[in-house]
Amino acid sequence: MKFKKTRLVRECSSCGKTIEKGSLYGQKSKSIPMQQTCWSIDQRPTEEIPNWSWEKVYFKETFDWCEPCGEKKDDERLNFNSEISAGEQR
């Protein structure tokens, strides 16, 4: 995870600690898919809304990590990847 200095006071998504101005932090984002339809109130069908009227929309959610939590997350990811590659070599 790449760390950068924050200009804002943030809160760690993992441990809940406050990340003070000038401290290093990491940030990840996740896109969350949702279904939406564009029927107005007066034009709603009396039956179930048909499948063709739904569309997929993505909402972006960002997660801030303090430096210790971000390093821990990187270590877990590296250990997981090394276990996978060791399993492939067998």
N, C-alpha and C. Protein backbone atom coordinates (compact mmCIF):
# COMPACT_ATOMS: atom_id res chain seq x y z
N MET A 1 0.85 -1.16 0.00
CA MET A 1 0.00 0.00 0.00
C MET A 1 0.90 1.23 0.00
N LYS A 2 0.56 2.19 -0.83
CA LYS A 2 1.32 3.43 -0.89
C LYS A 2 0.79 4.38 0.18
N PHE A 3 1.71 4.97 0.93
CA PHE A 3 1.34 5.90 1.99
C PHE A 3 1.63 7.33 1.56
N LYS A 4 0.80 8.25 2.01
CA LYS A 4 1.00 9.67 1.74
C LYS A 4 0.63 10.46 2.98
N LYS A 5 1.07 11.73 3.04
CA LYS A 5 0.77 12.56 4.20
C LYS A 5 -0.62 13.15 4.05
N THR A 6 -1.37 13.13 5.13
CA THR A 6 -2.72 13.66 5.10
C THR A 6 -2.73 15.16 5.42
N ARG A 7 -3.63 15.87 4.76
CA ARG A 7 -3.84 17.28 5.06
C ARG A 7 -5.08 17.48 5.91
N LEU A 8 -5.84 16.40 6.11
CA LEU A 8 -7.07 16.44 6.88
C LEU A 8 -6.95 15.49 8.08
N VAL A 9 -7.77 15.69 9.07
CA VAL A 9 -7.88 14.73 10.16
C VAL A 9 -8.80 13.62 9.67
N ARG A 10 -8.31 12.39 9.72
CA ARG A 10 -9.06 11.24 9.21
C ARG A 10 -9.21 10.21 10.32
N GLU A 11 -10.03 9.20 10.04
CA GLU A 11 -10.22 8.10 10.99
C GLU A 11 -9.89 6.79 10.28
N CYS A 12 -9.13 5.94 10.94
CA CYS A 12 -8.74 4.65 10.37
C CYS A 12 -9.96 3.74 10.27
N SER A 13 -10.15 3.12 9.12
CA SER A 13 -11.29 2.23 8.92
C SER A 13 -11.12 0.91 9.65
N SER A 14 -9.89 0.55 9.96
CA SER A 14 -9.62 -0.73 10.60
C SER A 14 -9.69 -0.65 12.12
N CYS A 15 -8.91 0.26 12.72
CA CYS A 15 -8.83 0.30 14.19
C CYS A 15 -9.62 1.45 14.80
N GLY A 16 -10.05 2.42 14.01
CA GLY A 16 -10.85 3.53 14.52
C GLY A 16 -10.06 4.68 15.12
N LYS A 17 -8.71 4.60 15.08
CA LYS A 17 -7.89 5.68 15.62
C LYS A 17 -7.94 6.90 14.71
N THR A 18 -7.67 8.06 15.30
CA THR A 18 -7.64 9.30 14.53
C THR A 18 -6.28 9.43 13.86
N ILE A 19 -6.27 9.78 12.57
CA ILE A 19 -5.04 10.03 11.83
C ILE A 19 -4.87 11.55 11.78
N GLU A 20 -3.87 12.06 12.48
CA GLU A 20 -3.66 13.50 12.61
C GLU A 20 -3.08 14.08 11.32
N LYS A 21 -3.21 15.39 11.16
CA LYS A 21 -2.63 16.09 10.01
C LYS A 21 -1.12 15.85 9.97
N GLY A 22 -0.59 15.59 8.78
CA GLY A 22 0.84 15.36 8.61
C GLY A 22 1.26 13.92 8.80
N SER A 23 0.39 13.07 9.30
CA SER A 23 0.71 11.65 9.48
C SER A 23 0.54 10.91 8.15
N LEU A 24 1.21 9.77 8.06
CA LEU A 24 1.08 8.95 6.86
C LEU A 24 -0.18 8.10 6.95
N TYR A 25 -0.83 7.92 5.79
CA TYR A 25 -2.03 7.09 5.73
C TYR A 25 -2.09 6.46 4.35
N GLY A 26 -2.84 5.37 4.24
CA GLY A 26 -3.10 4.71 2.97
C GLY A 26 -4.59 4.76 2.69
N GLN A 27 -4.95 4.68 1.43
CA GLN A 27 -6.36 4.78 1.08
C GLN A 27 -6.70 3.76 0.01
N LYS A 28 -7.79 3.05 0.19
CA LYS A 28 -8.31 2.11 -0.80
C LYS A 28 -9.76 2.45 -1.05
N SER A 29 -10.24 2.14 -2.24
CA SER A 29 -11.64 2.37 -2.55
C SER A 29 -12.26 1.09 -3.07
N LYS A 30 -13.57 1.00 -2.92
CA LYS A 30 -14.30 -0.17 -3.38
C LYS A 30 -15.56 0.31 -4.09
N SER A 31 -15.85 -0.27 -5.24
CA SER A 31 -17.08 0.05 -5.97
C SER A 31 -18.15 -0.95 -5.58
N ILE A 32 -19.29 -0.44 -5.14
CA ILE A 32 -20.39 -1.29 -4.69
C ILE A 32 -21.51 -1.23 -5.72
N PRO A 33 -21.84 -2.36 -6.37
CA PRO A 33 -22.90 -2.35 -7.38
C PRO A 33 -24.29 -2.34 -6.74
N MET A 34 -25.18 -1.58 -7.34
CA MET A 34 -26.58 -1.50 -6.90
C MET A 34 -27.46 -1.55 -8.15
N GLN A 35 -28.71 -1.93 -7.99
CA GLN A 35 -29.66 -1.92 -9.09
C GLN A 35 -30.60 -0.74 -8.91
N GLN A 36 -30.89 -0.03 -9.99
CA GLN A 36 -31.85 1.07 -9.91
C GLN A 36 -32.73 1.05 -11.14
N THR A 37 -33.89 1.64 -11.01
CA THR A 37 -34.81 1.78 -12.13
C THR A 37 -35.28 3.23 -12.17
N CYS A 38 -35.78 3.65 -13.32
CA CYS A 38 -36.12 5.07 -13.47
C CYS A 38 -37.62 5.27 -13.73
N TRP A 39 -38.45 4.58 -12.98
CA TRP A 39 -39.89 4.79 -13.10
C TRP A 39 -40.28 6.00 -12.27
N SER A 40 -41.10 6.86 -12.82
CA SER A 40 -41.63 7.94 -11.99
C SER A 40 -42.82 7.39 -11.20
N ILE A 41 -43.26 8.11 -10.21
CA ILE A 41 -44.33 7.62 -9.34
C ILE A 41 -45.62 7.37 -10.12
N ASP A 42 -45.95 8.24 -11.04
CA ASP A 42 -47.20 8.10 -11.78
C ASP A 42 -47.15 7.00 -12.84
N GLN A 43 -45.96 6.65 -13.31
CA GLN A 43 -45.84 5.68 -14.40
C GLN A 43 -45.48 4.28 -13.91
N ARG A 44 -45.45 4.06 -12.61
CA ARG A 44 -45.09 2.74 -12.10
C ARG A 44 -46.10 1.70 -12.56
N PRO A 45 -45.63 0.54 -12.95
CA PRO A 45 -46.57 -0.53 -13.32
C PRO A 45 -47.25 -1.09 -12.07
N THR A 46 -48.43 -1.61 -12.26
CA THR A 46 -49.15 -2.20 -11.12
C THR A 46 -48.59 -3.58 -10.79
N GLU A 47 -47.94 -4.23 -11.75
CA GLU A 47 -47.33 -5.54 -11.51
C GLU A 47 -45.86 -5.33 -11.12
N GLU A 48 -45.13 -6.41 -11.17
CA GLU A 48 -43.71 -6.36 -10.86
C GLU A 48 -42.97 -5.57 -11.95
N ILE A 49 -41.94 -4.84 -11.57
CA ILE A 49 -41.16 -4.05 -12.54
C ILE A 49 -40.36 -5.02 -13.41
N PRO A 50 -40.42 -4.88 -14.74
CA PRO A 50 -39.75 -5.83 -15.63
C PRO A 50 -38.22 -5.76 -15.52
N ASN A 51 -37.56 -6.87 -15.86
CA ASN A 51 -36.10 -6.96 -15.75
C ASN A 51 -35.37 -5.98 -16.65
N TRP A 52 -35.91 -5.67 -17.82
CA TRP A 52 -35.21 -4.78 -18.75
C TRP A 52 -35.12 -3.34 -18.25
N SER A 53 -35.92 -2.98 -17.25
CA SER A 53 -35.93 -1.60 -16.78
C SER A 53 -34.87 -1.33 -15.69
N TRP A 54 -34.22 -2.37 -15.21
CA TRP A 54 -33.20 -2.20 -14.17
C TRP A 54 -31.85 -1.96 -14.80
N GLU A 55 -31.05 -1.11 -14.16
CA GLU A 55 -29.67 -0.90 -14.61
C GLU A 55 -28.74 -0.95 -13.41
N LYS A 56 -27.49 -1.31 -13.67
CA LYS A 56 -26.51 -1.44 -12.60
C LYS A 56 -25.80 -0.10 -12.43
N VAL A 57 -25.72 0.36 -11.19
CA VAL A 57 -25.06 1.62 -10.84
C VAL A 57 -24.02 1.30 -9.77
N TYR A 58 -22.87 1.97 -9.81
CA TYR A 58 -21.80 1.72 -8.84
C TYR A 58 -21.63 2.93 -7.92
N PHE A 59 -21.54 2.66 -6.62
CA PHE A 59 -21.23 3.68 -5.63
C PHE A 59 -19.82 3.43 -5.13
N LYS A 60 -19.04 4.48 -5.01
CA LYS A 60 -17.66 4.35 -4.58
C LYS A 60 -17.56 4.65 -3.08
N GLU A 61 -16.89 3.76 -2.35
CA GLU A 61 -16.68 3.95 -0.93
C GLU A 61 -15.17 3.90 -0.69
N THR A 62 -14.63 4.88 0.03
CA THR A 62 -13.20 4.92 0.30
C THR A 62 -12.93 4.53 1.74
N PHE A 63 -11.78 3.88 1.95
CA PHE A 63 -11.35 3.44 3.27
C PHE A 63 -9.97 4.01 3.53
N ASP A 64 -9.80 4.67 4.68
CA ASP A 64 -8.51 5.22 5.09
C ASP A 64 -7.88 4.27 6.10
N TRP A 65 -6.56 4.06 5.98
CA TRP A 65 -5.83 3.18 6.87
C TRP A 65 -4.68 3.95 7.50
N CYS A 66 -4.51 3.83 8.83
CA CYS A 66 -3.34 4.41 9.47
C CYS A 66 -2.12 3.57 9.07
N GLU A 67 -0.94 4.09 9.29
CA GLU A 67 0.27 3.41 8.82
C GLU A 67 0.44 2.00 9.40
N PRO A 68 0.28 1.79 10.73
CA PRO A 68 0.44 0.42 11.25
C PRO A 68 -0.56 -0.57 10.67
N CYS A 69 -1.82 -0.16 10.53
CA CYS A 69 -2.84 -1.06 9.97
C CYS A 69 -2.57 -1.35 8.49
N GLY A 70 -2.12 -0.34 7.75
CA GLY A 70 -1.81 -0.52 6.34
C GLY A 70 -0.64 -1.46 6.13
N GLU A 71 0.39 -1.35 6.98
CA GLU A 71 1.53 -2.25 6.87
C GLU A 71 1.12 -3.67 7.22
N LYS A 72 0.27 -3.82 8.24
CA LYS A 72 -0.22 -5.14 8.63
C LYS A 72 -1.01 -5.76 7.48
N LYS A 73 -1.83 -4.95 6.82
CA LYS A 73 -2.64 -5.42 5.70
C LYS A 73 -1.73 -5.88 4.56
N ASP A 74 -0.66 -5.12 4.27
CA ASP A 74 0.29 -5.51 3.23
C ASP A 74 0.99 -6.82 3.58
N ASP A 75 1.39 -6.98 4.86
CA ASP A 75 2.05 -8.22 5.28
C ASP A 75 1.13 -9.41 5.11
N GLU A 76 -0.15 -9.25 5.47
CA GLU A 76 -1.11 -10.34 5.30
C GLU A 76 -1.27 -10.71 3.83
N ARG A 77 -1.32 -9.68 2.97
CA ARG A 77 -1.48 -9.92 1.54
C ARG A 77 -0.26 -10.64 0.98
N LEU A 78 0.95 -10.21 1.40
CA LEU A 78 2.17 -10.85 0.92
C LEU A 78 2.27 -12.29 1.39
N ASN A 79 1.91 -12.56 2.64
CA ASN A 79 1.92 -13.94 3.16
C ASN A 79 0.92 -14.81 2.41
N PHE A 80 -0.26 -14.28 2.13
CA PHE A 80 -1.28 -15.02 1.40
C PHE A 80 -0.79 -15.35 -0.02
N ASN A 81 -0.19 -14.36 -0.70
CA ASN A 81 0.30 -14.59 -2.06
C ASN A 81 1.46 -15.59 -2.07
N SER A 82 2.33 -15.57 -1.07
CA SER A 82 3.44 -16.53 -1.02
C SER A 82 2.92 -17.95 -0.76
N GLU A 83 1.85 -18.07 0.06
CA GLU A 83 1.26 -19.39 0.30
C GLU A 83 0.63 -19.93 -0.97
N ILE A 84 0.00 -19.08 -1.74
CA ILE A 84 -0.62 -19.51 -2.99
C ILE A 84 0.46 -19.98 -3.97
N SER A 85 1.52 -19.19 -4.12
CA SER A 85 2.57 -19.56 -5.06
C SER A 85 3.30 -20.81 -4.60
N ALA A 86 3.45 -21.04 -3.30
CA ALA A 86 4.07 -22.26 -2.79
C ALA A 86 3.19 -23.47 -3.11
N GLY A 87 1.88 -23.29 -3.03
CA GLY A 87 0.96 -24.37 -3.35
C GLY A 87 0.97 -24.72 -4.83
N GLU A 88 1.22 -23.74 -5.70
CA GLU A 88 1.28 -23.98 -7.14
C GLU A 88 2.54 -24.74 -7.51
N GLN A 89 3.62 -24.56 -6.75
CA GLN A 89 4.90 -25.22 -7.07
C GLN A 89 4.88 -26.70 -6.70
N ARG A 90 3.98 -27.09 -5.80
CA ARG A 90 3.94 -28.50 -5.38
C ARG A 90 3.37 -29.38 -6.42
